[in-house]
């Protein structure tokens, strides 16, 4: 089913489709983070990625809870956007020999992922509220807050340390 599929006839259908999109995305991120942890050389970055891997497992569990609350089967749909972001991250980080520059690239890639997730969660929260599902919205809001906090931490690490070292 494509994003603008004929199978999407209502806001509820669109909500479920987008929930399946973020579910797939979170699962792909869970698979990608161990490689990013392995490649990172800055100890704070490595620890941050490790923490986010733990959070991502929680995000998956919360999305599964929303599926259950909404009365639909938890399953993912292919998400070419997250696949592309993760593929680009893997390709860029594979081409960098300078470890400081590699860490800067890993942060940039991680932030591209975070921004994708933040847009999806923000949309899902708005739609859940519109559908009268403030219960689902509040669960999804927990994920959004963690994604925003991760993005902020990555920015602080990049601006205070990693980018400076990469520029040397």
C-alpha atoms as a PDB file:
ATOM      1  CA  UNK A   1       0.000   0.000   0.000  1.00  0.00           C
ATOM      2  CA  UNK A   2       1.506   3.309  -1.062  1.00  0.00           C
ATOM      3  CA  UNK A   3       1.241   6.400   1.090  1.00  0.00           C
ATOM      4  CA  UNK A   4      -1.602   7.813  -1.026  1.00  0.00           C
ATOM      5  CA  UNK A   5      -3.240   4.476  -1.572  1.00  0.00           C
ATOM      6  CA  UNK A   6      -6.836   3.909  -2.551  1.00  0.00           C
ATOM      7  CA  UNK A   7      -7.029   1.810   0.646  1.00  0.00           C
ATOM      8  CA  UNK A   8      -6.870   5.012   2.691  1.00  0.00           C
ATOM      9  CA  UNK A   9     -10.387   6.377   2.756  1.00  0.00           C
ATOM     10  CA  UNK A  10     -10.585   8.109   6.119  1.00  0.00           C
ATOM     11  CA  UNK A  11      -8.477   9.923   8.669  1.00  0.00           C
ATOM     12  CA  UNK A  12      -8.581   6.757  10.751  1.00  0.00           C
ATOM     13  CA  UNK A  13      -7.140   4.770   7.826  1.00  0.00           C
ATOM     14  CA  UNK A  14      -4.431   7.395   7.414  1.00  0.00           C
ATOM     15  CA  UNK A  15      -3.679   7.293  11.161  1.00  0.00           C
ATOM     16  CA  UNK A  16      -3.287   3.495  11.095  1.00  0.00           C
ATOM     17  CA  UNK A  17      -1.133   3.600   7.959  1.00  0.00           C
ATOM     18  CA  UNK A  18       1.167   6.240   9.467  1.00  0.00           C
ATOM     19  CA  UNK A  19       1.319   4.306  12.743  1.00  0.00           C
ATOM     20  CA  UNK A  20       2.479   1.303  10.711  1.00  0.00           C
ATOM     21  CA  UNK A  21       5.032   3.551   8.986  1.00  0.00           C
ATOM     22  CA  UNK A  22       6.585   4.706  12.273  1.00  0.00           C
ATOM     23  CA  UNK A  23       6.459   1.146  13.622  1.00  0.00           C
ATOM     24  CA  UNK A  24       8.524  -0.042  10.659  1.00  0.00           C
ATOM     25  CA  UNK A  25      10.824   2.969  11.019  1.00  0.00           C
ATOM     26  CA  UNK A  26      11.469   2.295  14.710  1.00  0.00           C
ATOM     27  CA  UNK A  27      12.264  -1.335  13.938  1.00  0.00           C
ATOM     28  CA  UNK A  28      14.755  -0.324  11.235  1.00  0.00           C
ATOM     29  CA  UNK A  29      16.350   2.210  13.599  1.00  0.00           C
ATOM     30  CA  UNK A  30      16.686  -0.504  16.243  1.00  0.00           C
ATOM     31  CA  UNK A  31      18.622  -2.577  13.692  1.00  0.00           C
ATOM     32  CA  UNK A  32      20.814   0.366  12.576  1.00  0.00           C
ATOM     33  CA  UNK A  33      21.836   1.728  15.982  1.00  0.00           C
ATOM     34  CA  UNK A  34      24.270  -1.075  16.919  1.00  0.00           C
ATOM     35  CA  UNK A  35      26.327  -0.260  13.790  1.00  0.00           C
ATOM     36  CA  UNK A  36      26.320   3.422  14.721  1.00  0.00           C
ATOM     37  CA  UNK A  37      27.395   2.557  18.276  1.00  0.00           C
ATOM     38  CA  UNK A  38      30.246   0.475  16.867  1.00  0.00           C
ATOM     39  CA  UNK A  39      31.405   3.238  14.502  1.00  0.00           C
ATOM     40  CA  UNK A  40      31.219   6.120  17.010  1.00  0.00           C
ATOM     41  CA  UNK A  41      34.537   7.024  18.627  1.00  0.00           C
ATOM     42  CA  UNK A  42      33.471   9.816  20.981  1.00  0.00           C
ATOM     43  CA  UNK A  43      32.550   8.168  24.324  1.00  0.00           C
ATOM     44  CA  UNK A  44      29.596  10.513  24.901  1.00  0.00           C
ATOM     45  CA  UNK A  45      28.261   9.843  21.419  1.00  0.00           C
ATOM     46  CA  UNK A  46      28.651   6.096  21.856  1.00  0.00           C
ATOM     47  CA  UNK A  47      26.812   6.274  25.192  1.00  0.00           C
ATOM     48  CA  UNK A  48      24.100   8.481  23.693  1.00  0.00           C
ATOM     49  CA  UNK A  49      23.499   6.012  20.881  1.00  0.00           C
ATOM     50  CA  UNK A  50      23.375   3.174  23.419  1.00  0.00           C
ATOM     51  CA  UNK A  51      20.809   5.084  25.479  1.00  0.00           C
ATOM     52  CA  UNK A  52      18.764   5.769  22.361  1.00  0.00           C
ATOM     53  CA  UNK A  53      18.809   2.080  21.429  1.00  0.00           C
ATOM     54  CA  UNK A  54      17.201   1.341  24.799  1.00  0.00           C
ATOM     55  CA  UNK A  55      14.685   4.143  24.221  1.00  0.00           C
ATOM     56  CA  UNK A  56      13.920   2.850  20.723  1.00  0.00           C
ATOM     57  CA  UNK A  57      12.920  -0.516  22.187  1.00  0.00           C
ATOM     58  CA  UNK A  58      10.540   1.407  24.440  1.00  0.00           C
ATOM     59  CA  UNK A  59       9.222   3.383  21.451  1.00  0.00           C
ATOM     60  CA  UNK A  60       8.404   0.125  19.677  1.00  0.00           C
ATOM     61  CA  UNK A  61       6.571  -1.153  22.763  1.00  0.00           C
ATOM     62  CA  UNK A  62       4.571   2.086  23.022  1.00  0.00           C
ATOM     63  CA  UNK A  63       3.602   1.987  19.354  1.00  0.00           C
ATOM     64  CA  UNK A  64       2.478  -1.624  19.872  1.00  0.00           C
ATOM     65  CA  UNK A  65       0.395  -0.388  22.822  1.00  0.00           C
ATOM     66  CA  UNK A  66      -1.245   2.245  20.586  1.00  0.00           C
ATOM     67  CA  UNK A  67      -2.091  -0.429  18.003  1.00  0.00           C
ATOM     68  CA  UNK A  68      -3.700  -2.478  20.773  1.00  0.00           C
ATOM     69  CA  UNK A  69      -5.572   0.530  22.198  1.00  0.00           C
ATOM     70  CA  UNK A  70      -6.827   1.387  18.716  1.00  0.00           C
ATOM     71  CA  UNK A  71      -7.929  -2.198  18.048  1.00  0.00           C
ATOM     72  CA  UNK A  72      -5.724  -2.902  15.041  1.00  0.00           C
ATOM     73  CA  UNK A  73      -2.986  -5.407  14.379  1.00  0.00           C
ATOM     74  CA  UNK A  74       0.565  -4.205  15.030  1.00  0.00           C
ATOM     75  CA  UNK A  75       2.423  -4.447  11.754  1.00  0.00           C
ATOM     76  CA  UNK A  76       4.762  -2.281   9.763  1.00  0.00           C
ATOM     77  CA  UNK A  77       4.560  -0.992   6.222  1.00  0.00           C
ATOM     78  CA  UNK A  78       7.610  -0.309   4.116  1.00  0.00           C
ATOM     79  CA  UNK A  79       8.878   3.208   4.653  1.00  0.00           C
ATOM     80  CA  UNK A  80      11.137   4.308   1.792  1.00  0.00           C
ATOM     81  CA  UNK A  81      11.904   7.553   3.633  1.00  0.00           C
ATOM     82  CA  UNK A  82      13.535   5.943   6.672  1.00  0.00           C
ATOM     83  CA  UNK A  83      15.173   3.306   4.477  1.00  0.00           C
ATOM     84  CA  UNK A  84      16.748   6.125   2.448  1.00  0.00           C
ATOM     85  CA  UNK A  85      17.884   8.082   5.502  1.00  0.00           C
ATOM     86  CA  UNK A  86      19.486   4.981   7.034  1.00  0.00           C
ATOM     87  CA  UNK A  87      21.085   3.930   3.738  1.00  0.00           C
ATOM     88  CA  UNK A  88      22.585   7.391   3.313  1.00  0.00           C
ATOM     89  CA  UNK A  89      23.879   7.325   6.907  1.00  0.00           C
ATOM     90  CA  UNK A  90      25.553   3.986   6.310  1.00  0.00           C
ATOM     91  CA  UNK A  91      27.099   5.109   3.008  1.00  0.00           C
ATOM     92  CA  UNK A  92      28.401   8.432   4.359  1.00  0.00           C
ATOM     93  CA  UNK A  93      29.874   6.911   7.505  1.00  0.00           C
ATOM     94  CA  UNK A  94      31.525   4.176   5.465  1.00  0.00           C
ATOM     95  CA  UNK A  95      33.517   6.710   3.446  1.00  0.00           C
ATOM     96  CA  UNK A  96      35.127   8.690   6.283  1.00  0.00           C
ATOM     97  CA  UNK A  97      38.569   7.782   7.587  1.00  0.00           C
ATOM     98  CA  UNK A  98      39.016  10.733  10.006  1.00  0.00           C
ATOM     99  CA  UNK A  99      37.333   9.572  13.234  1.00  0.00           C
ATOM    100  CA  UNK A 100      36.389  13.097  14.374  1.00  0.00           C
ATOM    101  CA  UNK A 101      34.711  13.800  11.036  1.00  0.00           C
ATOM    102  CA  UNK A 102      33.047  10.374  11.243  1.00  0.00           C
ATOM    103  CA  UNK A 103      31.504  11.300  14.616  1.00  0.00           C
ATOM    104  CA  UNK A 104      30.193  14.566  13.153  1.00  0.00           C
ATOM    105  CA  UNK A 105      28.674  12.623  10.244  1.00  0.00           C
ATOM    106  CA  UNK A 106      27.091  10.106  12.616  1.00  0.00           C
ATOM    107  CA  UNK A 107      25.464  12.925  14.581  1.00  0.00           C
ATOM    108  CA  UNK A 108      24.127  14.516  11.395  1.00  0.00           C
ATOM    109  CA  UNK A 109      22.720  11.177  10.272  1.00  0.00           C
ATOM    110  CA  UNK A 110      21.167  10.493  13.658  1.00  0.00           C
ATOM    111  CA  UNK A 111      19.536  13.919  13.625  1.00  0.00           C
ATOM    112  CA  UNK A 112      18.034  13.263  10.189  1.00  0.00           C
ATOM    113  CA  UNK A 113      16.464  10.143  11.686  1.00  0.00           C
ATOM    114  CA  UNK A 114      15.243  12.048  14.760  1.00  0.00           C
ATOM    115  CA  UNK A 115      13.648  14.757  12.640  1.00  0.00           C
ATOM    116  CA  UNK A 116      11.795  12.162  10.564  1.00  0.00           C
ATOM    117  CA  UNK A 117      10.486  10.521  13.726  1.00  0.00           C
ATOM    118  CA  UNK A 118       9.475  13.859  15.240  1.00  0.00           C
ATOM    119  CA  UNK A 119       7.408  14.767  12.169  1.00  0.00           C
ATOM    120  CA  UNK A 120       5.663  11.400  12.182  1.00  0.00           C
ATOM    121  CA  UNK A 121       4.891  11.484  15.904  1.00  0.00           C
ATOM    122  CA  UNK A 122       3.677  15.084  15.738  1.00  0.00           C
ATOM    123  CA  UNK A 123       1.295  14.195  12.921  1.00  0.00           C
ATOM    124  CA  UNK A 124       0.078  11.042  14.652  1.00  0.00           C
ATOM    125  CA  UNK A 125      -0.606  12.966  17.864  1.00  0.00           C
ATOM    126  CA  UNK A 126      -2.644  15.602  16.002  1.00  0.00           C
ATOM    127  CA  UNK A 127      -4.646  12.938  14.164  1.00  0.00           C
ATOM    128  CA  UNK A 128      -5.218  10.880  17.319  1.00  0.00           C
ATOM    129  CA  UNK A 129      -6.665  13.956  19.038  1.00  0.00           C
ATOM    130  CA  UNK A 130      -8.851  14.702  16.000  1.00  0.00           C
ATOM    131  CA  UNK A 131     -10.117  11.115  16.098  1.00  0.00           C
ATOM    132  CA  UNK A 132     -11.005  11.485  19.788  1.00  0.00           C
ATOM    133  CA  UNK A 133      -8.134   9.251  20.859  1.00  0.00           C
ATOM    134  CA  UNK A 134      -6.365  11.425  23.406  1.00  0.00           C
ATOM    135  CA  UNK A 135      -5.342   8.171  25.101  1.00  0.00           C
ATOM    136  CA  UNK A 136      -3.341   7.180  22.013  1.00  0.00           C
ATOM    137  CA  UNK A 137      -2.034  10.737  21.661  1.00  0.00           C
ATOM    138  CA  UNK A 138      -0.627  10.736  25.194  1.00  0.00           C
ATOM    139  CA  UNK A 139       1.277   7.476  24.597  1.00  0.00           C
ATOM    140  CA  UNK A 140       2.672   8.797  21.316  1.00  0.00           C
ATOM    141  CA  UNK A 141       3.620  12.057  23.070  1.00  0.00           C
ATOM    142  CA  UNK A 142       5.994  10.095  25.327  1.00  0.00           C
ATOM    143  CA  UNK A 143       7.888   8.957  22.221  1.00  0.00           C
ATOM    144  CA  UNK A 144       7.901  12.457  20.732  1.00  0.00           C
ATOM    145  CA  UNK A 145       9.342  13.955  23.926  1.00  0.00           C
ATOM    146  CA  UNK A 146      12.161  11.385  23.960  1.00  0.00           C
ATOM    147  CA  UNK A 147      12.928  12.005  20.275  1.00  0.00           C
ATOM    148  CA  UNK A 148      13.078  15.760  20.885  1.00  0.00           C
ATOM    149  CA  UNK A 149      15.345  15.267  23.904  1.00  0.00           C
ATOM    150  CA  UNK A 150      17.678  13.032  21.872  1.00  0.00           C
ATOM    151  CA  UNK A 151      17.830  15.605  19.077  1.00  0.00           C
ATOM    152  CA  UNK A 152      18.692  18.330  21.597  1.00  0.00           C
ATOM    153  CA  UNK A 153      21.441  16.207  23.177  1.00  0.00           C
ATOM    154  CA  UNK A 154      22.914  15.472  19.750  1.00  0.00           C
ATOM    155  CA  UNK A 155      22.945  19.189  18.901  1.00  0.00           C
ATOM    156  CA  UNK A 156      24.647  20.047  22.186  1.00  0.00           C
ATOM    157  CA  UNK A 157      27.279  17.340  21.695  1.00  0.00           C
ATOM    158  CA  UNK A 158      27.921  18.416  18.103  1.00  0.00           C
ATOM    159  CA  UNK A 159      28.155  22.125  18.880  1.00  0.00           C
ATOM    160  CA  UNK A 160      30.149  21.887  22.099  1.00  0.00           C
ATOM    161  CA  UNK A 161      32.690  19.239  21.108  1.00  0.00           C
ATOM    162  CA  UNK A 162      32.360  16.946  18.103  1.00  0.00           C
ATOM    163  CA  UNK A 163      32.143  19.572  15.338  1.00  0.00           C
ATOM    164  CA  UNK A 164      35.035  21.479  16.884  1.00  0.00           C
ATOM    165  CA  UNK A 165      37.251  18.389  16.805  1.00  0.00           C
ATOM    166  CA  UNK A 166      36.151  17.570  13.258  1.00  0.00           C
ATOM    167  CA  UNK A 167      37.169  21.066  12.118  1.00  0.00           C
ATOM    168  CA  UNK A 168      40.724  20.764  13.511  1.00  0.00           C
END
